[in-house]
Amino acid sequence: MKMNTYVNFAGKCKEALQYYEKHLGGKIQTMMTFDQMPEPKQVPPGLEKGVLHARIMIGDTPLMASDGPHVEPMRSAYLSLSVDSNDEAERIYMALSDGGEIFMKMEETFFAHRFAQFRDKFGINWMIIHEKPMGPPA
């Protein structure tokens, strides 16, 4: 069994995935718009050029996405990126938090060299972490 994440955007899926491709070194593998759907088309009004289905690889993890009507921003789920250096954590944080809402600014914690939580300008919640080594559970 394999579990994947699927996120929805309110008309900004293409822009968001291109942004993630640029700033996270991802690779968009597929992107199909509603107007490319075979007949009979069932296109939500206003989404003719919206993304019906897309897939981007970020590292070795797929992220699937689409546009949809009546999409609500993420509230209690996060996409979490684990990185190998403080520099990478800071770079990604600066790129993805730009224009978004910061819940916890990038800083050192007891469990991480760098950690941050925020919502990006596309409505997606993120956690960025450069973990500290932790001992085995008690």
Protein backbone atom coordinates (compact mmCIF):
# COMPACT_ATOMS: atom_id res chain seq x y z
CA MET A 1 0.00 0.00 0.00
CA LYS A 2 1.13 3.53 -0.72
CA MET A 3 -0.44 6.76 0.49
CA ASN A 4 -0.18 9.94 -1.57
CA THR A 5 -1.21 13.51 -0.88
CA TYR A 6 -3.73 15.29 -3.11
CA VAL A 7 -4.30 19.03 -2.74
CA ASN A 8 -6.88 21.29 -4.33
CA PHE A 9 -6.56 24.88 -5.45
CA ALA A 10 -9.19 27.48 -6.35
CA GLY A 11 -7.86 28.15 -9.85
CA LYS A 12 -4.13 28.51 -9.07
CA CYS A 13 -2.95 24.91 -9.36
CA LYS A 14 -0.75 25.47 -12.42
CA GLU A 15 0.85 28.58 -10.90
CA ALA A 16 1.42 26.83 -7.57
CA LEU A 17 3.01 23.70 -9.06
CA GLN A 18 5.27 25.78 -11.31
CA TYR A 19 6.31 27.75 -8.21
CA TYR A 20 7.06 24.54 -6.30
CA GLU A 21 8.94 23.16 -9.31
CA LYS A 22 11.13 26.27 -9.37
CA HIS A 23 11.76 26.61 -5.63
CA LEU A 24 11.77 22.97 -4.51
CA GLY A 25 13.55 21.44 -7.49
CA GLY A 26 10.44 19.43 -8.28
CA LYS A 27 9.45 18.05 -11.64
CA ILE A 28 5.90 18.33 -12.98
CA GLN A 29 5.10 14.95 -14.52
CA THR A 30 1.59 15.58 -15.79
CA MET A 31 -0.88 18.43 -16.01
CA MET A 32 -4.27 18.10 -17.71
CA THR A 33 -6.78 20.94 -17.89
CA PHE A 34 -10.56 20.62 -17.76
CA ASP A 35 -10.83 21.65 -21.41
CA GLN A 36 -8.66 18.62 -22.33
CA MET A 37 -11.18 16.27 -20.73
CA PRO A 38 -12.76 13.81 -23.19
CA GLU A 39 -16.45 14.11 -24.06
CA PRO A 40 -18.86 14.34 -22.39
CA LYS A 41 -17.15 17.21 -20.58
CA GLN A 42 -18.35 18.13 -17.13
CA VAL A 43 -16.41 21.32 -16.56
CA PRO A 44 -17.23 23.50 -13.56
CA PRO A 45 -18.11 27.02 -14.77
CA GLY A 46 -15.00 29.23 -14.87
CA LEU A 47 -12.54 26.32 -14.72
CA GLU A 48 -12.22 25.59 -18.45
CA LYS A 49 -8.48 26.34 -18.27
CA GLY A 50 -8.21 25.05 -14.69
CA VAL A 51 -6.22 21.93 -13.84
CA LEU A 52 -8.26 18.72 -13.82
CA HIS A 53 -5.32 16.64 -12.56
CA ALA A 54 -1.60 17.19 -12.05
CA ARG A 55 1.31 15.36 -10.50
CA ILE A 56 4.66 16.78 -9.39
CA MET A 57 7.58 14.89 -7.87
CA ILE A 58 9.26 16.74 -5.01
CA GLY A 59 12.34 14.75 -4.10
CA ASP A 60 11.12 11.16 -4.21
CA THR A 61 7.56 12.05 -3.14
CA PRO A 62 4.65 12.58 -5.51
CA LEU A 63 2.16 15.37 -4.87
CA MET A 64 -1.07 15.30 -6.84
CA ALA A 65 -3.28 18.35 -7.31
CA SER A 66 -6.15 19.97 -9.16
CA ASP A 67 -8.35 23.05 -9.28
CA GLY A 68 -11.90 22.89 -8.10
CA PRO A 69 -14.94 24.97 -7.34
CA HIS A 70 -15.68 25.87 -3.71
CA VAL A 71 -12.18 24.91 -2.54
CA GLU A 72 -11.40 25.76 1.08
CA PRO A 73 -7.80 26.37 2.14
CA MET A 74 -6.03 23.71 4.21
CA ARG A 75 -6.53 24.20 7.93
CA SER A 76 -5.13 21.34 10.01
CA ALA A 77 -2.99 19.34 7.57
CA TYR A 78 0.57 20.26 6.55
CA LEU A 79 2.99 19.25 3.84
CA SER A 80 6.23 18.67 5.74
CA LEU A 81 9.65 19.02 4.12
CA SER A 82 12.66 17.52 5.88
CA VAL A 83 15.92 19.05 4.71
CA ASP A 84 19.60 18.36 5.39
CA SER A 85 20.91 21.83 6.20
CA ASN A 86 20.02 25.13 7.81
CA ASP A 87 20.76 26.91 4.54
CA GLU A 88 18.27 24.74 2.64
CA ALA A 89 15.65 25.23 5.37
CA GLU A 90 16.09 29.01 5.23
CA ARG A 91 16.04 29.13 1.41
CA ILE A 92 12.83 27.13 1.14
CA TYR A 93 11.22 29.04 4.00
CA MET A 94 11.95 32.38 2.33
CA ALA A 95 10.57 31.19 -1.04
CA LEU A 96 7.42 29.43 0.17
CA SER A 97 6.41 31.80 2.97
CA ASP A 98 6.67 34.86 0.69
CA GLY A 99 3.18 36.35 0.49
CA GLY A 100 1.77 33.78 2.91
CA GLU A 101 0.85 33.63 6.59
CA ILE A 102 3.52 32.61 9.11
CA PHE A 103 2.37 30.55 12.10
CA MET A 104 5.85 29.88 13.52
CA LYS A 105 8.83 31.72 12.09
CA MET A 106 11.98 29.82 11.14
CA GLU A 107 14.01 29.22 14.29
CA GLU A 108 15.90 26.66 16.33
CA THR A 109 13.85 24.44 18.64
CA PHE A 110 14.68 21.64 21.05
CA PHE A 111 13.96 19.12 18.26
CA ALA A 112 15.27 20.95 15.20
CA HIS A 113 18.16 23.10 14.05
CA ARG A 114 15.54 24.95 11.99
CA PHE A 115 11.76 24.63 12.04
CA ALA A 116 8.89 26.73 10.68
CA GLN A 117 5.14 26.47 10.05
CA PHE A 118 3.26 28.65 7.58
CA ARG A 119 0.58 28.83 4.88
CA ASP A 120 1.87 29.79 1.43
CA LYS A 121 0.21 32.29 -0.91
CA PHE A 122 -1.67 29.43 -2.57
CA GLY A 123 -3.33 28.31 0.68
CA ILE A 124 -1.13 25.26 1.36
CA ASN A 125 0.19 24.68 4.90
CA TRP A 126 3.88 23.77 5.18
CA MET A 127 6.33 22.66 7.85
CA ILE A 128 10.04 22.92 7.10
CA ILE A 129 12.40 21.02 9.39
CA HIS A 130 16.12 20.39 9.69
CA GLU A 131 15.96 17.85 12.50
CA LYS A 132 18.35 17.43 15.42
CA PRO A 133 19.39 13.87 16.28
CA MET A 134 17.07 12.53 18.94
CA GLY A 135 17.71 9.63 21.27
CA PRO A 136 15.67 6.43 21.33
CA PRO A 137 12.24 6.53 23.02
CA ALA A 138 12.24 6.03 26.78
